[in-house]
Amino acid sequence: MRNKILISLAASTVLFLAGCQIWQPGGVTAKTTDGTASLNVPAGWMFTTARGIAQADLLATKEGVLLQRVTLSHHELKDPLPHSKRKLDATQSPFEVADAVIDDLRSNRDLRALQVVENTPQTVGGHPGYRVIVEYSVAEPAGLKLREVRYGALVGNRLCELNFVAPARHYFERDLATIDAAAKTLQITAK
């Protein structure tokens, strides 16, 4: 019995210490685990590609995910968008894809008073894409206004998006130029 307890304690300790290594320092080029995308993560930021933690292909933050976060993710075209249930297809223009993404955000019941601040075409990861900035409020913490910039492009059979979310006051404007510069380093290849 005592040996089982010691083995369990040792295994738990190893798992805990291994878990401490999931965050890596920025200032490097991070690659997704499937190798289809890479991004230069800004110096002073930290990132992880551990899918279970990030719920995305890559998650980065400077001062914690509640203050600002960058996610790099993909959405398979065979699946409808999560909130609006709209389907995307590879023949759609970047404008049509951006319109569908905005509609999906508007259909998200957790985002209140969503306003589109900007919707422009932009090359994303070497592909024709879009840059959308939206502002909305969330329920918790009550009434917090967030701003989000989304850079997206259809690549092969997937929608690839780089998102930056932060409180509208202070953090978004402070970090936007850094994220715009990082977005220019994004490289995406078809799977």
N, C-alpha and C. Protein backbone atom coordinates (compact mmCIF):
# COMPACT_ATOMS: atom_id res chain seq x y z
N MET A 1 0.82 -1.20 0.00
CA MET A 1 0.00 0.00 0.00
C MET A 1 0.87 1.26 0.00
N ARG A 2 1.90 1.23 0.85
CA ARG A 2 2.78 2.39 0.94
C ARG A 2 3.48 2.65 -0.39
N ASN A 3 3.90 1.59 -1.08
CA ASN A 3 4.56 1.74 -2.38
C ASN A 3 3.62 2.35 -3.40
N LYS A 4 2.35 1.97 -3.37
CA LYS A 4 1.37 2.53 -4.31
C LYS A 4 1.21 4.03 -4.07
N ILE A 5 1.19 4.43 -2.81
CA ILE A 5 1.06 5.85 -2.48
C ILE A 5 2.30 6.61 -2.96
N LEU A 6 3.49 6.04 -2.73
CA LEU A 6 4.73 6.70 -3.16
C LEU A 6 4.79 6.78 -4.69
N ILE A 7 4.38 5.73 -5.37
CA ILE A 7 4.38 5.75 -6.84
C ILE A 7 3.40 6.79 -7.35
N SER A 8 2.22 6.85 -6.74
CA SER A 8 1.22 7.85 -7.15
C SER A 8 1.73 9.26 -6.90
N LEU A 9 2.36 9.47 -5.77
CA LEU A 9 2.91 10.78 -5.45
C LEU A 9 4.03 11.15 -6.43
N ALA A 10 4.90 10.22 -6.74
CA ALA A 10 5.98 10.48 -7.70
C ALA A 10 5.43 10.78 -9.09
N ALA A 11 4.43 10.01 -9.52
CA ALA A 11 3.83 10.23 -10.83
C ALA A 11 3.15 11.60 -10.88
N SER A 12 2.45 11.96 -9.82
CA SER A 12 1.79 13.26 -9.76
C SER A 12 2.80 14.40 -9.82
N THR A 13 3.90 14.24 -9.12
CA THR A 13 4.95 15.26 -9.12
C THR A 13 5.56 15.42 -10.51
N VAL A 14 5.83 14.31 -11.19
CA VAL A 14 6.38 14.37 -12.55
C VAL A 14 5.41 15.06 -13.48
N LEU A 15 4.13 14.70 -13.41
CA LEU A 15 3.13 15.34 -14.27
C LEU A 15 3.01 16.83 -13.96
N PHE A 16 3.04 17.20 -12.69
CA PHE A 16 2.95 18.61 -12.31
C PHE A 16 4.14 19.38 -12.87
N LEU A 17 5.34 18.85 -12.69
CA LEU A 17 6.53 19.54 -13.17
C LEU A 17 6.57 19.60 -14.69
N ALA A 18 6.10 18.56 -15.35
CA ALA A 18 6.03 18.59 -16.82
C ALA A 18 5.04 19.64 -17.27
N GLY A 19 3.95 19.81 -16.54
CA GLY A 19 2.94 20.81 -16.87
C GLY A 19 3.46 22.23 -16.75
N CYS A 20 4.45 22.44 -15.93
CA CYS A 20 5.02 23.78 -15.77
C CYS A 20 5.78 24.22 -17.01
N GLN A 21 6.11 23.29 -17.88
CA GLN A 21 6.91 23.61 -19.05
C GLN A 21 6.08 23.88 -20.30
N ILE A 22 4.76 23.98 -20.17
CA ILE A 22 3.95 24.17 -21.37
C ILE A 22 4.08 25.59 -21.93
N TRP A 23 4.38 26.57 -21.09
CA TRP A 23 4.54 27.95 -21.56
C TRP A 23 5.99 28.17 -21.93
N GLN A 24 6.19 28.75 -23.11
CA GLN A 24 7.54 29.02 -23.60
C GLN A 24 7.69 30.52 -23.82
N PRO A 25 8.90 31.04 -23.67
CA PRO A 25 9.10 32.48 -23.86
C PRO A 25 9.00 32.87 -25.33
N GLY A 26 8.49 34.08 -25.58
CA GLY A 26 8.39 34.61 -26.94
C GLY A 26 9.73 35.06 -27.46
N GLY A 27 9.69 35.81 -28.56
CA GLY A 27 10.92 36.23 -29.21
C GLY A 27 11.44 35.17 -30.15
N VAL A 28 10.60 34.17 -30.44
CA VAL A 28 10.97 33.06 -31.32
C VAL A 28 9.83 32.79 -32.30
N THR A 29 10.12 31.99 -33.30
CA THR A 29 9.08 31.55 -34.23
C THR A 29 8.45 30.28 -33.67
N ALA A 30 7.16 30.35 -33.42
CA ALA A 30 6.42 29.19 -32.90
C ALA A 30 5.74 28.49 -34.06
N LYS A 31 5.79 27.17 -34.06
CA LYS A 31 5.13 26.38 -35.09
C LYS A 31 4.00 25.58 -34.45
N THR A 32 2.91 25.46 -35.19
CA THR A 32 1.80 24.64 -34.70
C THR A 32 2.23 23.18 -34.69
N THR A 33 1.57 22.37 -33.87
CA THR A 33 1.96 20.97 -33.74
C THR A 33 1.79 20.20 -35.04
N ASP A 34 0.84 20.62 -35.89
CA ASP A 34 0.66 19.92 -37.18
C ASP A 34 1.57 20.49 -38.27
N GLY A 35 2.34 21.54 -37.94
CA GLY A 35 3.32 22.10 -38.87
C GLY A 35 2.75 22.93 -40.00
N THR A 36 1.46 23.28 -39.93
CA THR A 36 0.85 24.03 -41.03
C THR A 36 0.92 25.55 -40.86
N ALA A 37 1.38 26.02 -39.72
CA ALA A 37 1.46 27.47 -39.51
C ALA A 37 2.61 27.80 -38.56
N SER A 38 3.15 29.01 -38.76
CA SER A 38 4.18 29.51 -37.85
C SER A 38 3.96 31.01 -37.65
N LEU A 39 4.38 31.49 -36.50
CA LEU A 39 4.19 32.89 -36.12
C LEU A 39 5.36 33.31 -35.25
N ASN A 40 5.91 34.50 -35.52
CA ASN A 40 6.93 35.05 -34.63
C ASN A 40 6.21 35.63 -33.41
N VAL A 41 6.36 34.97 -32.28
CA VAL A 41 5.74 35.44 -31.04
C VAL A 41 6.58 36.59 -30.51
N PRO A 42 5.97 37.73 -30.19
CA PRO A 42 6.75 38.89 -29.74
C PRO A 42 7.58 38.60 -28.49
N ALA A 43 8.74 39.23 -28.41
CA ALA A 43 9.58 39.13 -27.22
C ALA A 43 8.80 39.71 -26.04
N GLY A 44 8.96 39.12 -24.88
CA GLY A 44 8.24 39.57 -23.70
C GLY A 44 6.89 38.89 -23.53
N TRP A 45 6.46 38.16 -24.54
CA TRP A 45 5.22 37.39 -24.46
C TRP A 45 5.59 35.94 -24.18
N MET A 46 4.60 35.13 -23.83
CA MET A 46 4.81 33.70 -23.67
C MET A 46 3.72 32.98 -24.46
N PHE A 47 4.01 31.74 -24.85
CA PHE A 47 3.06 31.02 -25.69
C PHE A 47 3.06 29.53 -25.36
N THR A 48 2.02 28.87 -25.81
CA THR A 48 1.93 27.42 -25.72
C THR A 48 1.25 26.89 -26.98
N THR A 49 1.63 25.70 -27.36
CA THR A 49 0.95 25.00 -28.45
C THR A 49 0.29 23.73 -27.91
N ALA A 50 0.20 23.62 -26.59
CA ALA A 50 -0.46 22.46 -25.96
C ALA A 50 -1.96 22.59 -26.19
N ARG A 51 -2.49 21.79 -27.08
CA ARG A 51 -3.88 21.90 -27.53
C ARG A 51 -4.87 21.85 -26.36
N GLY A 52 -4.64 21.03 -25.37
CA GLY A 52 -5.56 20.93 -24.24
C GLY A 52 -5.64 22.20 -23.42
N ILE A 53 -4.56 22.95 -23.36
CA ILE A 53 -4.53 24.21 -22.61
C ILE A 53 -5.07 25.35 -23.47
N ALA A 54 -4.61 25.41 -24.69
CA ALA A 54 -4.90 26.56 -25.54
C ALA A 54 -6.28 26.54 -26.16
N GLN A 55 -6.86 25.35 -26.38
CA GLN A 55 -8.10 25.24 -27.15
C GLN A 55 -7.93 25.90 -28.52
N ALA A 56 -6.71 25.96 -28.98
CA ALA A 56 -6.35 26.53 -30.28
C ALA A 56 -5.01 25.92 -30.67
N ASP A 57 -4.54 26.23 -31.87
CA ASP A 57 -3.25 25.71 -32.30
C ASP A 57 -2.10 26.40 -31.57
N LEU A 58 -2.34 27.65 -31.15
CA LEU A 58 -1.33 28.42 -30.43
C LEU A 58 -2.06 29.44 -29.56
N LEU A 59 -1.58 29.64 -28.36
CA LEU A 59 -2.11 30.65 -27.45
C LEU A 59 -0.93 31.44 -26.92
N ALA A 60 -1.02 32.77 -26.98
CA ALA A 60 0.06 33.63 -26.48
C ALA A 60 -0.53 34.74 -25.63
N THR A 61 0.25 35.21 -24.68
CA THR A 61 -0.16 36.31 -23.82
C THR A 61 1.08 37.02 -23.29
N LYS A 62 0.89 38.26 -22.89
CA LYS A 62 2.00 39.02 -22.30
C LYS A 62 1.88 39.04 -20.78
N GLU A 63 0.66 39.31 -20.30
CA GLU A 63 0.47 39.46 -18.86
C GLU A 63 -0.64 38.57 -18.31
N GLY A 64 -1.08 37.60 -19.09
CA GLY A 64 -2.13 36.69 -18.65
C GLY A 64 -3.30 36.72 -19.61
N VAL A 65 -3.92 35.57 -19.84
CA VAL A 65 -4.97 35.46 -20.86
C VAL A 65 -6.22 36.27 -20.54
N LEU A 66 -6.40 36.69 -19.30
CA LEU A 66 -7.55 37.54 -18.98
C LEU A 66 -7.30 38.99 -19.37
N LEU A 67 -6.04 39.38 -19.52
CA LEU A 67 -5.71 40.76 -19.91
C LEU A 67 -5.53 40.90 -21.41
N GLN A 68 -4.90 39.92 -22.04
CA GLN A 68 -4.79 39.91 -23.49
C GLN A 68 -4.38 38.51 -23.92
N ARG A 69 -4.91 38.13 -25.08
CA ARG A 69 -4.54 36.81 -25.59
C ARG A 69 -4.55 36.83 -27.11
N VAL A 70 -3.65 36.06 -27.66
CA VAL A 70 -3.56 35.84 -29.10
C VAL A 70 -3.79 34.35 -29.31
N THR A 71 -4.68 34.02 -30.23
CA THR A 71 -4.89 32.62 -30.57
C THR A 71 -4.71 32.44 -32.07
N LEU A 72 -4.11 31.36 -32.43
CA LEU A 72 -4.00 30.94 -33.82
C LEU A 72 -4.79 29.64 -33.91
N SER A 73 -5.81 29.63 -34.74
CA SER A 73 -6.68 28.46 -34.81
C SER A 73 -7.14 28.22 -36.23
N HIS A 74 -7.76 27.08 -36.43
CA HIS A 74 -8.31 26.76 -37.75
C HIS A 74 -9.70 26.16 -37.58
N HIS A 75 -10.48 26.30 -38.63
CA HIS A 75 -11.83 25.76 -38.66
C HIS A 75 -11.98 24.99 -39.97
N GLU A 76 -12.31 23.72 -39.88
CA GLU A 76 -12.49 22.89 -41.08
C GLU A 76 -13.71 23.37 -41.85
N LEU A 77 -13.57 23.53 -43.17
CA LEU A 77 -14.67 24.03 -43.99
C LEU A 77 -15.86 23.08 -44.03
N LYS A 78 -15.62 21.80 -43.77
CA LYS A 78 -16.73 20.84 -43.79
C LYS A 78 -17.69 21.05 -42.61
N ASP A 79 -17.23 21.75 -41.58
CA ASP A 79 -18.05 21.99 -40.39
C ASP A 79 -18.67 23.39 -40.44
N PRO A 80 -19.94 23.53 -40.01
CA PRO A 80 -20.52 24.87 -39.96
C PRO A 80 -19.86 25.71 -38.86
N LEU A 81 -19.94 27.02 -38.99
CA LEU A 81 -19.42 27.90 -37.94
C LEU A 81 -20.20 27.64 -36.66
N PRO A 82 -19.59 27.79 -35.49
CA PRO A 82 -20.20 27.32 -34.25
C PRO A 82 -21.48 28.01 -33.80
N HIS A 83 -21.64 29.29 -34.07
CA HIS A 83 -22.81 30.02 -33.54
C HIS A 83 -23.88 30.26 -34.58
N SER A 84 -23.50 30.69 -35.76
CA SER A 84 -24.49 30.99 -36.81
C SER A 84 -24.85 29.75 -37.62
N LYS A 85 -24.00 28.72 -37.53
CA LYS A 85 -24.18 27.47 -38.29
C LYS A 85 -24.02 27.67 -39.80
N ARG A 86 -23.47 28.83 -40.21
CA ARG A 86 -23.21 29.06 -41.63
C ARG A 86 -22.05 28.18 -42.08
N LYS A 87 -22.11 27.76 -43.33
CA LYS A 87 -21.04 26.96 -43.91
C LYS A 87 -20.17 27.86 -44.79
N LEU A 88 -18.89 27.59 -44.77
CA LEU A 88 -17.95 28.28 -45.65
C LEU A 88 -17.53 27.31 -46.74
N ASP A 89 -17.12 27.86 -47.89
CA ASP A 89 -16.54 26.99 -48.92
C ASP A 89 -15.36 27.70 -49.56
N ALA A 90 -14.51 26.91 -50.17
CA ALA A 90 -13.23 27.41 -50.69
C ALA A 90 -13.37 28.42 -51.82
N THR A 91 -14.57 28.57 -52.39
CA THR A 91 -14.76 29.51 -53.50
C THR A 91 -15.12 30.91 -53.01
N GLN A 92 -15.36 31.08 -51.72
CA GLN A 92 -15.78 32.39 -51.21
C GLN A 92 -14.62 33.38 -51.21
N SER A 93 -14.97 34.64 -51.46
CA SER A 93 -13.97 35.72 -51.42
C SER A 93 -13.65 36.05 -49.96
N PRO A 94 -12.52 36.70 -49.70
CA PRO A 94 -12.21 37.12 -48.33
C PRO A 94 -13.32 37.98 -47.73
N PHE A 95 -13.97 38.84 -48.55
CA PHE A 95 -15.06 39.67 -48.04
C PHE A 95 -16.22 38.80 -47.57
N GLU A 96 -16.57 37.77 -48.36
CA GLU A 96 -17.67 36.88 -47.98
C GLU A 96 -17.34 36.09 -46.72
N VAL A 97 -16.10 35.66 -46.59
CA VAL A 97 -15.68 34.92 -45.40
C VAL A 97 -15.74 35.84 -44.18
N ALA A 98 -15.24 37.07 -44.31
CA ALA A 98 -15.29 38.03 -43.20
C ALA A 98 -16.72 38.29 -42.79
N ASP A 99 -17.62 38.43 -43.76
CA ASP A 99 -19.04 38.64 -43.47
C ASP A 99 -19.61 37.46 -42.68
N ALA A 100 -19.25 36.24 -43.05
CA ALA A 100 -19.74 35.05 -42.33
C ALA A 100 -19.17 35.00 -40.92
N VAL A 101 -17.90 35.37 -40.75
CA VAL A 101 -17.27 35.38 -39.43
C VAL A 101 -17.93 36.43 -38.53
N ILE A 102 -18.20 37.61 -39.08
CA ILE A 102 -18.88 38.66 -38.31
C ILE A 102 -20.28 38.20 -37.91
N ASP A 103 -20.99 37.57 -38.84
CA ASP A 103 -22.32 37.03 -38.53
C ASP A 103 -22.24 35.98 -37.43
N ASP A 104 -21.20 35.15 -37.45
CA ASP A 104 -21.03 34.15 -36.40
C ASP A 104 -20.77 34.81 -35.05
N LEU A 105 -19.97 35.87 -35.03
CA LEU A 105 -19.74 36.60 -33.78
C LEU A 105 -21.04 37.22 -33.27
N ARG A 106 -21.83 37.78 -34.17
CA ARG A 106 -23.11 38.37 -33.76
C ARG A 106 -24.07 37.32 -33.21
N SER A 107 -23.94 36.09 -33.66
CA SER A 107 -24.80 35.00 -33.20
C SER A 107 -24.35 34.42 -31.86
N ASN A 108 -23.19 34.82 -31.38
CA ASN A 108 -22.68 34.33 -30.10
C ASN A 108 -23.39 35.07 -28.98
N ARG A 109 -24.18 34.36 -28.20
CA ARG A 109 -24.99 34.97 -27.13
C ARG A 109 -24.15 35.54 -25.99
N ASP A 110 -22.88 35.17 -25.91
CA ASP A 110 -22.02 35.69 -24.85
C ASP A 110 -21.46 37.08 -25.17
N LEU A 111 -21.57 37.50 -26.43
CA LEU A 111 -21.05 38.80 -26.84
C LEU A 111 -22.21 39.76 -26.99
N ARG A 112 -22.16 40.86 -26.25
CA ARG A 112 -23.27 41.82 -26.25
C ARG A 112 -22.87 43.10 -26.96
N ALA A 113 -23.83 43.70 -27.64
CA ALA A 113 -23.65 45.01 -28.30
C ALA A 113 -22.43 45.00 -29.22
N LEU A 114 -22.31 43.96 -30.04
CA LEU A 114 -21.17 43.84 -30.94
C LEU A 114 -21.22 44.91 -32.02
N GLN A 115 -20.11 45.61 -32.20
CA GLN A 115 -19.98 46.62 -33.25
C GLN A 115 -18.75 46.31 -34.09
N VAL A 116 -18.90 46.42 -35.40
CA VAL A 116 -17.77 46.24 -36.30
C VAL A 116 -17.07 47.59 -36.43
N VAL A 117 -15.81 47.64 -36.04
CA VAL A 117 -15.02 48.86 -36.09
C VAL A 117 -14.31 48.97 -37.43
N GLU A 118 -13.86 47.83 -37.96
CA GLU A 118 -13.10 47.82 -39.21
C GLU A 118 -13.28 46.47 -39.89
N ASN A 119 -13.35 46.48 -41.22
CA ASN A 119 -13.40 45.26 -42.02
C ASN A 119 -12.67 45.55 -43.32
N THR A 120 -11.42 45.10 -43.43
CA THR A 120 -10.60 45.42 -44.60
C THR A 120 -9.94 44.16 -45.15
N PRO A 121 -9.66 44.16 -46.46
CA PRO A 121 -8.91 43.03 -47.01
C PRO A 121 -7.45 43.12 -46.58
N GLN A 122 -6.82 41.97 -46.40
CA GLN A 122 -5.41 41.94 -46.01
C GLN A 122 -4.84 40.58 -46.37
N THR A 123 -3.59 40.56 -46.77
CA THR A 123 -2.91 39.29 -46.98
C THR A 123 -2.59 38.69 -45.62
N VAL A 124 -2.99 37.44 -45.42
CA VAL A 124 -2.81 36.77 -44.13
C VAL A 124 -2.06 35.46 -44.37
N GLY A 125 -0.88 35.36 -43.83
CA GLY A 125 -0.10 34.14 -43.98
C GLY A 125 0.23 33.82 -45.42
N GLY A 126 0.33 34.85 -46.26
CA GLY A 126 0.64 34.66 -47.66
C GLY A 126 -0.58 34.36 -48.53
N HIS A 127 -1.78 34.52 -47.97
CA HIS A 127 -3.02 34.22 -48.69
C HIS A 127 -3.97 35.42 -48.64
N PRO A 128 -4.83 35.59 -49.65
CA PRO A 128 -5.82 36.67 -49.60
C PRO A 128 -6.73 36.46 -48.39
N GLY A 129 -6.92 37.51 -47.61
CA GLY A 129 -7.72 37.36 -46.40
C GLY A 129 -8.34 38.66 -45.96
N TYR A 130 -8.59 38.76 -44.68
CA TYR A 130 -9.28 39.92 -44.11
C TYR A 130 -8.69 40.27 -42.75
N ARG A 131 -8.97 41.50 -42.35
CA ARG A 131 -8.65 41.99 -41.01
C ARG A 131 -9.92 42.65 -40.51
N VAL A 132 -10.47 42.12 -39.44
CA VAL A 132 -11.71 42.62 -38.86
C VAL A 132 -11.43 43.03 -37.42
N ILE A 133 -11.91 44.22 -37.04
CA ILE A 133 -11.85 44.64 -35.63
C ILE A 133 -13.29 44.81 -35.16
N VAL A 134 -13.60 44.17 -34.03
CA VAL A 134 -14.93 44.30 -33.43
C VAL A 134 -14.78 44.70 -31.97
N GLU A 135 -15.83 45.29 -31.44
CA GLU A 135 -15.88 45.64 -30.02
C GLU A 135 -17.19 45.12 -29.47
N TYR A 136 -17.16 44.59 -28.25
CA TYR A 136 -18.35 44.04 -27.63
C TYR A 136 -18.19 44.04 -26.11
N SER A 137 -19.30 43.81 -25.43
CA SER A 137 -19.29 43.67 -23.97
C SER A 137 -19.53 42.21 -23.62
N VAL A 138 -19.05 41.82 -22.46
CA VAL A 138 -19.28 40.47 -21.97
C VAL A 138 -19.99 40.54 -20.62
N ALA A 139 -20.66 39.46 -20.26
CA ALA A 139 -21.43 39.44 -19.01
C ALA A 139 -20.53 39.40 -17.79
N GLU A 140 -19.46 38.63 -17.84
CA GLU A 140 -18.57 38.47 -16.69
C GLU A 140 -17.14 38.80 -17.11
N PRO A 141 -16.46 39.72 -16.48
CA PRO A 141 -16.97 40.64 -15.48
C PRO A 141 -17.96 41.61 -16.10
N ALA A 142 -18.93 41.98 -15.33
CA ALA A 142 -20.09 42.74 -15.80
C ALA A 142 -19.71 43.95 -16.64
N GLY A 143 -20.17 43.93 -17.89
CA GLY A 143 -20.02 45.08 -18.76
C GLY A 143 -18.63 45.35 -19.30
N LEU A 144 -17.69 44.46 -19.10
CA LEU A 144 -16.33 44.68 -19.60
C LEU A 144 -16.37 44.78 -21.12
N LYS A 145 -15.80 45.86 -21.67
CA LYS A 145 -15.73 46.04 -23.12
C LYS A 145 -14.42 45.46 -23.63
N LEU A 146 -14.54 44.58 -24.60
CA LEU A 146 -13.37 43.98 -25.22
C LEU A 146 -13.29 44.41 -26.67
N ARG A 147 -12.08 44.47 -27.18
CA ARG A 147 -11.86 44.67 -28.61
C ARG A 147 -11.11 43.45 -29.11
N GLU A 148 -11.42 43.10 -30.34
CA GLU A 148 -10.81 41.92 -30.93
C GLU A 148 -10.45 42.22 -32.38
N VAL A 149 -9.25 41.84 -32.77
CA VAL A 149 -8.86 41.92 -34.17
C VAL A 149 -8.68 40.49 -34.66
N ARG A 150 -9.26 40.21 -35.82
CA ARG A 150 -9.17 38.88 -36.44
C ARG A 150 -8.56 39.02 -37.81
N TYR A 151 -7.51 38.26 -38.03
CA TYR A 151 -6.88 38.15 -39.34
C TYR A 151 -7.23 36.75 -39.83
N GLY A 152 -7.86 36.62 -40.99
CA GLY A 152 -8.26 35.29 -41.42
C GLY A 152 -8.09 35.09 -42.91
N ALA A 153 -7.95 33.82 -43.29
CA ALA A 153 -7.82 33.45 -44.70
C ALA A 153 -8.23 32.00 -44.88
N LEU A 154 -8.81 31.72 -46.03
CA LEU A 154 -9.09 30.33 -46.41
C LEU A 154 -7.81 29.74 -46.99
N VAL A 155 -7.38 28.62 -46.44
CA VAL A 155 -6.18 27.94 -46.91
C VAL A 155 -6.52 26.46 -47.04
N GLY A 156 -6.55 25.99 -48.28
CA GLY A 156 -6.95 24.60 -48.50
C GLY A 156 -8.39 24.40 -48.06
N ASN A 157 -8.59 23.43 -47.19
CA ASN A 157 -9.95 23.13 -46.71
C ASN A 157 -10.20 23.67 -45.30
N ARG A 158 -9.49 24.76 -44.94
CA ARG A 158 -9.65 25.32 -43.59
C ARG A 158 -9.69 26.85 -43.62
N LEU A 159 -10.39 27.40 -42.63
CA LEU A 159 -10.31 28.82 -42.33
C LEU A 159 -9.27 28.95 -41.23
N CYS A 160 -8.22 29.70 -41.49
CA CYS A 160 -7.17 29.92 -40.49
C CYS A 160 -7.32 31.34 -39.97
N GLU A 161 -7.31 31.47 -38.64
CA GLU A 161 -7.49 32.79 -38.03
C GLU A 161 -6.47 33.04 -36.94
N LEU A 162 -5.98 34.27 -36.92
CA LEU A 162 -5.16 34.78 -35.84
C LEU A 162 -6.01 35.84 -35.15
N ASN A 163 -6.29 35.65 -33.86
CA ASN A 163 -7.16 36.57 -33.11
C ASN A 163 -6.39 37.19 -31.95
N PHE A 164 -6.65 38.46 -31.71
CA PHE A 164 -6.11 39.15 -30.55
C PHE A 164 -7.27 39.79 -29.82
N VAL A 165 -7.44 39.46 -28.54
CA VAL A 165 -8.54 39.98 -27.72
C VAL A 165 -7.95 40.63 -26.48
N ALA A 166 -8.46 41.83 -26.15
CA ALA A 166 -8.01 42.53 -24.94
C ALA A 166 -9.07 43.55 -24.55
N PRO A 167 -9.07 43.98 -23.28
CA PRO A 167 -9.98 45.06 -22.89
C PRO A 167 -9.76 46.29 -23.77
N ALA A 168 -10.88 46.91 -24.16
CA ALA A 168 -10.82 48.07 -25.07
C ALA A 168 -10.01 49.21 -24.47
N ARG A 169 -10.14 49.40 -23.17
CA ARG A 169 -9.37 50.46 -22.51
C ARG A 169 -7.97 49.94 -22.23
N HIS A 170 -6.99 50.61 -22.69
CA HIS A 170 -5.58 50.41 -22.41
C HIS A 170 -4.93 49.26 -23.17
N TYR A 171 -5.25 48.01 -22.85
CA TYR A 171 -4.48 46.87 -23.37
C TYR A 171 -4.58 46.70 -24.88
N PHE A 172 -5.78 46.86 -25.45
CA PHE A 172 -5.93 46.64 -26.89
C PHE A 172 -5.08 47.63 -27.67
N GLU A 173 -5.26 48.91 -27.41
CA GLU A 173 -4.51 49.93 -28.15
C GLU A 173 -3.01 49.82 -27.89
N ARG A 174 -2.64 49.51 -26.66
CA ARG A 174 -1.22 49.42 -26.31
C ARG A 174 -0.53 48.30 -27.10
N ASP A 175 -1.21 47.16 -27.28
CA ASP A 175 -0.58 46.00 -27.88
C ASP A 175 -0.90 45.79 -29.35
N LEU A 176 -1.80 46.58 -29.93
CA LEU A 176 -2.24 46.35 -31.30
C LEU A 176 -1.09 46.42 -32.31
N ALA A 177 -0.21 47.40 -32.21
CA ALA A 177 0.91 47.52 -33.16
C ALA A 177 1.82 46.30 -33.08
N THR A 178 2.04 45.78 -31.89
CA THR A 178 2.85 44.58 -31.71
C THR A 178 2.21 43.39 -32.40
N ILE A 179 0.89 43.27 -32.26
CA ILE A 179 0.17 42.15 -32.87
C ILE A 179 0.11 42.31 -34.38
N ASP A 180 -0.10 43.54 -34.86
CA ASP A 180 -0.07 43.77 -36.31
C ASP A 180 1.28 43.33 -36.90
N ALA A 181 2.37 43.66 -36.20
CA ALA A 181 3.70 43.26 -36.67
C ALA A 181 3.85 41.74 -36.64
N ALA A 182 3.36 41.11 -35.59
CA ALA A 182 3.43 39.64 -35.51
C ALA A 182 2.60 39.00 -36.61
N ALA A 183 1.43 39.58 -36.91
CA ALA A 183 0.55 39.02 -37.95
C ALA A 183 1.24 39.00 -39.30
N LYS A 184 2.12 39.95 -39.55
CA LYS A 184 2.84 39.98 -40.83
C LYS A 184 3.84 38.84 -40.95
N THR A 185 4.20 38.21 -39.83
CA THR A 185 5.14 37.09 -39.85
C THR A 185 4.44 35.75 -39.98
N LEU A 186 3.12 35.75 -39.91
CA LEU A 186 2.35 34.50 -39.97
C LEU A 186 2.55 33.82 -41.32
N GLN A 187 2.85 32.55 -41.29
CA GLN A 187 2.96 31.73 -42.50
C GLN A 187 2.01 30.55 -42.35
N ILE A 188 1.21 30.29 -43.39
CA ILE A 188 0.23 29.20 -43.35
C ILE A 188 0.39 28.36 -44.61
N THR A 189 0.41 27.05 -44.44
CA THR A 189 0.43 26.14 -45.58
C THR A 189 -0.80 25.24 -45.50
N ALA A 190 -1.25 24.78 -46.64
CA ALA A 190 -2.42 23.89 -46.68
C ALA A 190 -2.06 22.55 -46.08
N LYS A 191 -3.04 21.94 -45.47
CA LYS A 191 -2.84 20.63 -44.84
C LYS A 191 -3.06 19.54 -45.85
